[in-house]
Amino acid sequence: MMPSNKVIAPRLGMIILCCVLVTMPPVFGQGNADTSGDLAEETTIGEIVLAFPNHAEKALQMVLEPEEFATRWKGTQRPIVVAFMTLFWCALLLTLLSWVARALMLWWLRDAIDQAGAEQPLEEVHEKGPRIVDVGVSIGDCQVALDRGWVESGTVVLDVNMVPKVKLPEENPLNQDTPQYMVLLTGFLYVLFAGVRPSVIHSRAFTIGLTALFCFVAIACVQPIAALIGTDVTFAVSLGYTIVFGSYFMTLGMIVGIVSQILLFTTLRVGDPDSDGPGAIGCLGFAVVWLGTMALSFLAIKAFFVGYQTLYGFGFWTLVGTGFGGLVISILLSPLFSIPMVWLLLKLRKPLDIVV
């Protein structure tokens, strides 16, 4: 049976696009900035896309040498193209890593799975697929949140977010394909979606779309203030740098998360009915995980401030002031971009999976 034209056309288009991109001239580290060193070694976008070791090298350089990385990034001629290629491959790697993490979790919780029995019947609210069922300022006023025990009655929960954030309060390793509630936090609002499958949220297409939206909202709010202060960095360079920064740290965070998961489940013996408790080895494993998480957090914070200070040419407090101004703007602008974009990502999941 031959695939339909609806399936063939997008894939053929992506093949042609990839062929064009592979033959493009140099882009990364080529410009007015200093192009000496490792960032100038790539000669085409194709080499950037296909070289996983190259991405690993760039990620480490961003973490350990953020000032040098940001300086060379300014010389990128097509920052958006390079950034989205980096995001694509990081999303692909994140998808593979999420499969590994889920497989490990299901293996360790196999006894709980056996005891779980038959699946629960699907609630009527989830039968129509992804849709918005509630919008408000405080999740403490949401009846679903109260009924499900996400918050206690009378609790006021105001969560102001500069960039959109997605939560799955009912997610666990056993219900990845079960439609459930999802909370989108954007600006000063929460948006409650019903009928969302966690497997869709962790898909490559949704990851790419949400990360791009995350970065766009952040830079759209910060760039006008930075321009008023006097930076000469363009919106495209700032957006590309933010996408690459977010892509690399998401990937590093996932890798650390899987390593932590392995250490915790093997040393603490989670899910083992014969386990007598964590013991000395379990405590050591927990300590290693905690130290690793703290180390990655410290490096991420350092890379963020040093990288953006170098990119914009600002001092520390000027950068902090710029970020605070962007936060104020984002409270108003973030919902305007985030709500329709997330709704489209959920509704167009199948065609996006074919293309991406």
Protein backbone atom coordinates (compact mmCIF):
# COMPACT_ATOMS: atom_id res chain seq x y z
CA MET A 1 0.00 0.00 0.00
CA MET A 2 1.47 3.31 -1.14
CA PRO A 3 1.62 6.28 1.28
CA SER A 4 -0.86 9.08 0.58
CA ASN A 5 0.12 12.39 -1.01
CA LYS A 6 -0.48 14.09 2.35
CA VAL A 7 2.38 12.03 3.78
CA ILE A 8 4.69 12.08 0.75
CA ALA A 9 4.57 15.83 0.04
CA PRO A 10 5.87 17.11 3.43
CA ARG A 11 8.60 14.49 3.55
CA LEU A 12 9.69 15.26 0.00
CA GLY A 13 9.76 18.95 0.88
CA MET A 14 11.97 18.29 3.91
CA ILE A 15 14.36 16.19 1.80
CA ILE A 16 14.69 19.01 -0.74
CA LEU A 17 15.17 21.57 2.05
CA CYS A 18 17.89 19.47 3.65
CA CYS A 19 19.68 19.10 0.30
CA VAL A 20 19.63 22.89 -0.14
CA LEU A 21 20.85 23.53 3.40
CA VAL A 22 23.71 21.04 3.10
CA THR A 23 25.08 22.94 0.10
CA MET A 24 24.89 26.37 1.74
CA PRO A 25 28.10 28.39 2.28
CA PRO A 26 29.76 28.91 5.65
CA VAL A 27 27.53 30.47 8.31
CA PHE A 28 28.71 29.74 11.84
CA GLY A 29 31.47 31.93 13.18
CA GLN A 30 31.89 33.71 9.84
CA GLY A 31 31.60 37.48 9.98
CA ASN A 32 33.18 40.52 11.54
CA ALA A 33 33.99 38.72 14.77
CA ASP A 34 37.16 36.74 15.34
CA THR A 35 36.72 33.48 13.44
CA SER A 36 39.86 31.75 14.62
CA GLY A 37 39.40 28.53 16.54
CA ASP A 38 36.95 25.65 16.58
CA LEU A 39 33.80 27.58 15.65
CA ALA A 40 35.21 28.41 12.22
CA GLU A 41 36.01 24.81 11.29
CA GLU A 42 32.56 23.97 9.85
CA THR A 43 32.19 24.82 6.17
CA THR A 44 28.49 24.11 5.55
CA ILE A 45 25.28 23.85 7.53
CA GLY A 46 25.21 20.17 6.60
CA GLU A 47 28.38 19.54 8.59
CA ILE A 48 26.91 21.39 11.57
CA VAL A 49 23.70 19.37 11.39
CA LEU A 50 25.26 15.95 10.90
CA ALA A 51 28.06 16.19 13.45
CA PHE A 52 26.81 15.19 16.89
CA PRO A 53 30.35 15.42 18.35
CA ASN A 54 30.45 18.98 17.07
CA HIS A 55 27.28 19.84 18.98
CA ALA A 56 28.71 18.23 22.11
CA GLU A 57 31.84 20.35 21.73
CA LYS A 58 29.81 23.55 21.29
CA ALA A 59 27.63 22.71 24.30
CA LEU A 60 30.69 22.25 26.49
CA GLN A 61 32.18 25.47 25.19
CA MET A 62 28.98 27.37 25.99
CA VAL A 63 29.04 25.96 29.52
CA LEU A 64 32.75 26.34 30.26
CA GLU A 65 33.69 29.32 28.05
CA PRO A 66 30.49 31.37 27.67
CA GLU A 67 32.32 34.64 26.99
CA GLU A 68 34.25 33.20 24.05
CA PHE A 69 31.18 31.42 22.69
CA ALA A 70 29.04 34.59 22.79
CA THR A 71 31.79 36.65 21.15
CA ARG A 72 32.06 34.24 18.24
CA TRP A 73 28.30 33.88 17.96
CA LYS A 74 28.06 37.56 17.05
CA GLY A 75 29.84 36.72 13.79
CA THR A 76 27.19 34.26 12.65
CA GLN A 77 25.71 35.37 9.33
CA ARG A 78 22.46 33.36 9.49
CA PRO A 79 21.88 32.88 13.23
CA ILE A 80 18.22 31.81 12.95
CA VAL A 81 18.99 29.02 10.48
CA VAL A 82 21.87 27.70 12.56
CA ALA A 83 19.86 28.00 15.77
CA PHE A 84 16.91 26.01 14.42
CA MET A 85 19.21 23.32 13.04
CA THR A 86 20.77 23.05 16.50
CA LEU A 87 17.32 22.98 18.09
CA PHE A 88 16.18 20.24 15.67
CA TRP A 89 19.02 17.91 16.55
CA CYS A 90 18.80 18.64 20.26
CA ALA A 91 15.06 17.88 20.09
CA LEU A 92 15.84 14.62 18.26
CA LEU A 93 18.33 13.67 20.95
CA LEU A 94 15.87 14.67 23.67
CA THR A 95 13.26 12.40 22.08
CA LEU A 96 15.67 9.46 22.09
CA LEU A 97 16.70 10.19 25.67
CA SER A 98 13.06 10.42 26.78
CA TRP A 99 12.45 6.95 25.30
CA VAL A 100 15.42 5.64 27.27
CA ALA A 101 14.22 7.33 30.47
CA ARG A 102 10.71 5.94 30.05
CA ALA A 103 11.99 2.42 29.31
CA LEU A 104 14.16 2.48 32.43
CA MET A 105 11.29 3.81 34.54
CA LEU A 106 8.90 1.13 33.27
CA TRP A 107 11.49 -1.55 33.98
CA TRP A 108 12.06 -0.42 37.55
CA LEU A 109 8.32 -0.04 38.19
CA ARG A 110 7.31 -3.30 36.50
CA ASP A 111 5.91 -4.70 39.75
CA ALA A 112 3.71 -1.62 40.21
CA ILE A 113 2.58 -1.95 36.59
CA ASP A 114 1.58 -5.57 37.15
CA GLN A 115 -0.43 -4.55 40.21
CA ALA A 116 -2.08 -1.59 38.46
CA GLY A 117 -4.56 -3.82 36.65
CA ALA A 118 -6.85 -2.61 33.90
CA GLU A 119 -6.79 0.96 32.63
CA GLN A 120 -9.28 3.40 34.11
CA PRO A 121 -12.14 4.50 31.80
CA LEU A 122 -11.52 7.76 29.96
CA GLU A 123 -13.26 10.80 31.44
CA GLU A 124 -15.78 12.53 29.21
CA VAL A 125 -13.92 15.86 29.36
CA HIS A 126 -10.91 14.27 27.61
CA GLU A 127 -12.79 12.49 24.82
CA LYS A 128 -12.85 15.46 22.41
CA GLY A 129 -9.07 15.84 22.28
CA PRO A 130 -6.96 18.84 23.33
CA ARG A 131 -9.06 21.88 24.20
CA ILE A 132 -9.12 24.80 26.64
CA VAL A 133 -11.50 24.27 29.57
CA ASP A 134 -10.52 27.06 31.97
CA VAL A 135 -8.53 30.31 32.09
CA GLY A 136 -7.78 32.34 35.20
CA VAL A 137 -5.32 34.30 37.29
CA SER A 138 -4.88 31.97 40.27
CA ILE A 139 -4.85 28.18 39.94
CA GLY A 140 -6.27 28.18 43.47
CA ASP A 141 -9.60 29.34 41.97
CA CYS A 142 -9.71 26.47 39.47
CA GLN A 143 -12.36 23.92 40.43
CA VAL A 144 -10.51 21.08 38.69
CA ALA A 145 -7.35 21.87 40.66
CA LEU A 146 -9.34 21.82 43.90
CA ASP A 147 -11.16 18.59 43.04
CA ARG A 148 -7.92 16.85 42.05
CA GLY A 149 -6.00 18.03 45.09
CA TRP A 150 -3.42 20.06 43.18
CA VAL A 151 -3.99 22.94 45.59
CA GLU A 152 -5.80 23.26 48.90
CA SER A 153 -9.08 25.11 49.24
CA GLY A 154 -8.64 28.82 49.91
CA THR A 155 -5.07 28.88 48.58
CA VAL A 156 -4.13 31.79 46.31
CA VAL A 157 -1.49 30.66 43.80
CA LEU A 158 -0.16 33.50 41.62
CA ASP A 159 2.57 32.26 39.29
CA VAL A 160 4.01 35.06 37.15
CA ASN A 161 6.12 33.71 34.28
CA MET A 162 8.28 35.65 31.84
CA VAL A 163 8.07 32.78 29.35
CA PRO A 164 5.44 30.04 28.88
CA LYS A 165 5.68 26.98 31.11
CA VAL A 166 3.80 23.67 30.78
CA LYS A 167 2.85 21.35 33.66
CA LEU A 168 1.22 17.91 33.67
CA PRO A 169 -0.01 17.48 37.29
CA GLU A 170 -1.27 13.93 36.75
CA GLU A 171 1.61 12.56 34.67
CA ASN A 172 3.39 9.35 35.67
CA PRO A 173 5.33 6.65 33.76
CA LEU A 174 2.19 4.52 33.45
CA ASN A 175 -0.08 7.04 31.70
CA GLN A 176 2.00 8.57 28.92
CA ASP A 177 -0.69 7.85 26.31
CA THR A 178 -3.69 8.63 28.51
CA PRO A 179 -5.46 11.96 27.82
CA GLN A 180 -5.34 14.17 30.90
CA TYR A 181 -5.17 17.77 32.10
CA MET A 182 -2.32 20.15 31.22
CA VAL A 183 -1.67 23.56 32.76
CA LEU A 184 -0.05 26.32 30.70
CA LEU A 185 1.44 29.11 32.82
CA THR A 186 2.05 32.27 30.82
CA GLY A 187 2.44 35.81 32.09
CA PHE A 188 0.01 36.22 34.98
CA LEU A 189 -2.48 33.65 33.64
CA TYR A 190 -2.99 29.92 33.86
CA VAL A 191 -4.73 28.05 31.03
CA LEU A 192 -6.18 24.58 31.71
CA PHE A 193 -6.23 22.17 28.76
CA ALA A 194 -8.07 18.83 28.75
CA GLY A 195 -7.46 15.78 26.56
CA VAL A 196 -3.66 16.17 26.35
CA ARG A 197 -1.44 13.10 26.11
CA PRO A 198 1.97 13.41 27.87
CA SER A 199 3.57 11.58 24.92
CA VAL A 200 2.55 14.52 22.72
CA ILE A 201 4.15 17.03 25.10
CA HIS A 202 7.39 15.05 24.98
CA SER A 203 7.33 14.68 21.19
CA ARG A 204 10.00 16.27 19.02
CA ALA A 205 7.56 18.62 17.23
CA PHE A 206 6.11 20.00 20.47
CA THR A 207 9.57 20.36 22.02
CA ILE A 208 10.83 22.36 19.04
CA GLY A 209 7.72 24.54 18.94
CA LEU A 210 7.60 25.26 22.67
CA THR A 211 11.34 26.02 22.86
CA ALA A 212 11.12 28.39 19.90
CA LEU A 213 8.10 30.08 21.50
CA PHE A 214 9.90 30.26 24.85
CA CYS A 215 12.91 31.98 23.27
CA PHE A 216 10.88 34.28 21.02
CA VAL A 217 8.78 35.63 23.90
CA ALA A 218 11.86 36.19 26.07
CA ILE A 219 13.82 38.09 23.39
CA ALA A 220 10.77 39.99 22.08
CA CYS A 221 10.36 41.45 25.58
CA VAL A 222 14.03 42.06 26.35
CA GLN A 223 15.38 43.25 22.97
CA PRO A 224 13.52 46.62 22.85
CA ILE A 225 14.92 47.58 26.26
CA ALA A 226 18.42 46.44 25.29
CA ALA A 227 18.19 48.50 22.10
CA LEU A 228 17.15 51.59 24.06
CA ILE A 229 20.11 51.16 26.40
CA GLY A 230 22.44 51.03 23.43
CA THR A 231 23.28 47.47 22.32
CA ASP A 232 24.19 46.94 18.66
CA VAL A 233 23.14 43.27 18.67
CA THR A 234 20.27 42.50 16.29
CA PHE A 235 17.08 40.65 17.21
CA ALA A 236 18.08 37.70 14.99
CA VAL A 237 21.45 37.27 16.72
CA SER A 238 19.86 37.49 20.18
CA LEU A 239 17.06 35.05 19.30
CA GLY A 240 19.48 32.59 17.70
CA TYR A 241 21.78 32.67 20.71
CA THR A 242 18.84 32.13 23.08
CA ILE A 243 17.58 29.14 21.06
CA VAL A 244 21.03 27.55 21.05
CA PHE A 245 21.49 28.26 24.77
CA GLY A 246 18.13 26.74 25.63
CA SER A 247 18.66 23.73 23.34
CA TYR A 248 22.03 22.80 24.79
CA PHE A 249 21.01 23.20 28.41
CA MET A 250 17.78 21.25 27.89
CA THR A 251 19.84 18.40 26.44
CA LEU A 252 22.43 18.54 29.21
CA GLY A 253 19.64 18.63 31.79
CA MET A 254 18.03 15.53 30.28
CA ILE A 255 21.36 13.66 30.29
CA VAL A 256 21.97 14.59 33.93
CA GLY A 257 18.39 13.57 34.71
CA ILE A 258 18.81 10.09 33.20
CA VAL A 259 22.14 9.54 34.96
CA SER A 260 20.51 10.69 38.21
CA GLN A 261 17.59 8.35 37.60
CA ILE A 262 19.92 5.39 37.09
CA LEU A 263 21.92 6.22 40.22
CA LEU A 264 18.86 6.72 42.39
CA PHE A 265 16.98 3.64 41.25
CA THR A 266 19.99 1.37 41.47
CA THR A 267 21.36 2.65 44.79
CA LEU A 268 18.06 3.39 46.53
CA ARG A 269 16.52 0.23 45.01
CA VAL A 270 13.23 1.95 44.24
CA GLY A 271 10.51 -0.54 43.35
CA ASP A 272 12.41 -3.48 44.86
CA PRO A 273 10.06 -5.26 47.32
CA ASP A 274 13.06 -6.88 49.05
CA SER A 275 14.77 -3.56 49.72
CA ASP A 276 15.49 -2.76 53.38
CA GLY A 277 15.98 0.95 52.76
CA PRO A 278 18.54 3.18 51.08
CA GLY A 279 21.55 2.27 53.21
CA ALA A 280 25.00 3.84 52.86
CA ILE A 281 25.23 3.23 49.11
CA GLY A 282 21.82 4.82 48.59
CA CYS A 283 22.82 7.89 50.56
CA LEU A 284 26.03 8.15 48.54
CA GLY A 285 24.05 7.91 45.29
CA PHE A 286 21.68 10.64 46.46
CA ALA A 287 24.64 12.85 47.40
CA VAL A 288 26.21 12.39 43.94
CA VAL A 289 22.93 13.27 42.24
CA TRP A 290 22.45 16.34 44.42
CA LEU A 291 26.01 17.58 43.79
CA GLY A 292 25.67 16.97 40.04
CA THR A 293 22.40 18.88 39.89
CA MET A 294 23.84 21.79 41.87
CA ALA A 295 26.94 21.87 39.67
CA LEU A 296 24.86 22.00 36.46
CA SER A 297 22.65 24.72 37.95
CA PHE A 298 25.68 26.80 38.92
CA LEU A 299 27.23 26.42 35.45
CA ALA A 300 23.92 27.32 33.77
CA ILE A 301 23.55 30.50 35.85
CA LYS A 302 27.16 31.49 35.21
CA ALA A 303 26.89 30.78 31.47
CA PHE A 304 23.65 32.77 31.30
CA PHE A 305 24.98 35.95 32.90
CA VAL A 306 28.46 35.86 31.37
CA GLY A 307 27.12 34.93 27.94
CA TYR A 308 24.46 37.65 27.77
CA GLN A 309 26.77 40.27 29.28
CA THR A 310 29.20 39.52 26.46
CA LEU A 311 26.48 39.35 23.81
CA TYR A 312 24.87 42.68 24.71
CA GLY A 313 28.01 44.37 26.01
CA PHE A 314 26.30 45.25 29.32
CA GLY A 315 27.51 45.21 32.89
CA PHE A 316 25.94 42.87 35.42
CA TRP A 317 23.43 45.30 36.93
CA THR A 318 22.52 46.72 33.53
CA LEU A 319 21.72 43.19 32.38
CA VAL A 320 19.67 42.55 35.51
CA GLY A 321 17.73 45.77 34.94
CA THR A 322 17.12 44.83 31.31
CA GLY A 323 15.84 41.42 32.38
CA PHE A 324 13.52 42.96 34.97
CA GLY A 325 12.08 45.33 32.37
CA GLY A 326 11.58 42.41 30.02
CA LEU A 327 9.76 40.53 32.79
CA VAL A 328 7.30 43.39 33.21
CA ILE A 329 6.62 43.55 29.46
CA SER A 330 6.26 39.77 29.21
CA ILE A 331 3.47 39.72 31.81
CA LEU A 332 1.34 41.51 29.22
CA LEU A 333 2.69 40.07 25.95
CA SER A 334 3.40 36.43 26.79
CA PRO A 335 -0.25 35.26 26.90
CA LEU A 336 -0.94 36.86 23.49
CA PHE A 337 1.69 34.64 21.84
CA SER A 338 1.67 31.59 24.07
CA ILE A 339 -2.00 30.57 24.28
CA PRO A 340 -2.73 30.40 20.52
CA MET A 341 0.68 28.89 19.76
CA VAL A 342 0.36 26.07 22.30
CA TRP A 343 -3.20 25.39 21.14
CA LEU A 344 -1.98 25.10 17.54
CA LEU A 345 0.90 22.80 18.55
CA LEU A 346 -1.58 20.47 20.25
CA LYS A 347 -4.10 20.57 17.42
CA LEU A 348 -1.54 20.16 14.61
CA ARG A 349 0.42 17.41 16.33
CA LYS A 350 0.03 14.80 13.55
CA PRO A 351 1.04 16.95 10.54
CA LEU A 352 3.91 18.43 12.54
CA ASP A 353 5.18 14.93 13.39
CA ILE A 354 5.23 14.08 9.67
CA VAL A 355 7.21 17.20 8.78
CA VAL A 356 9.53 17.31 11.80
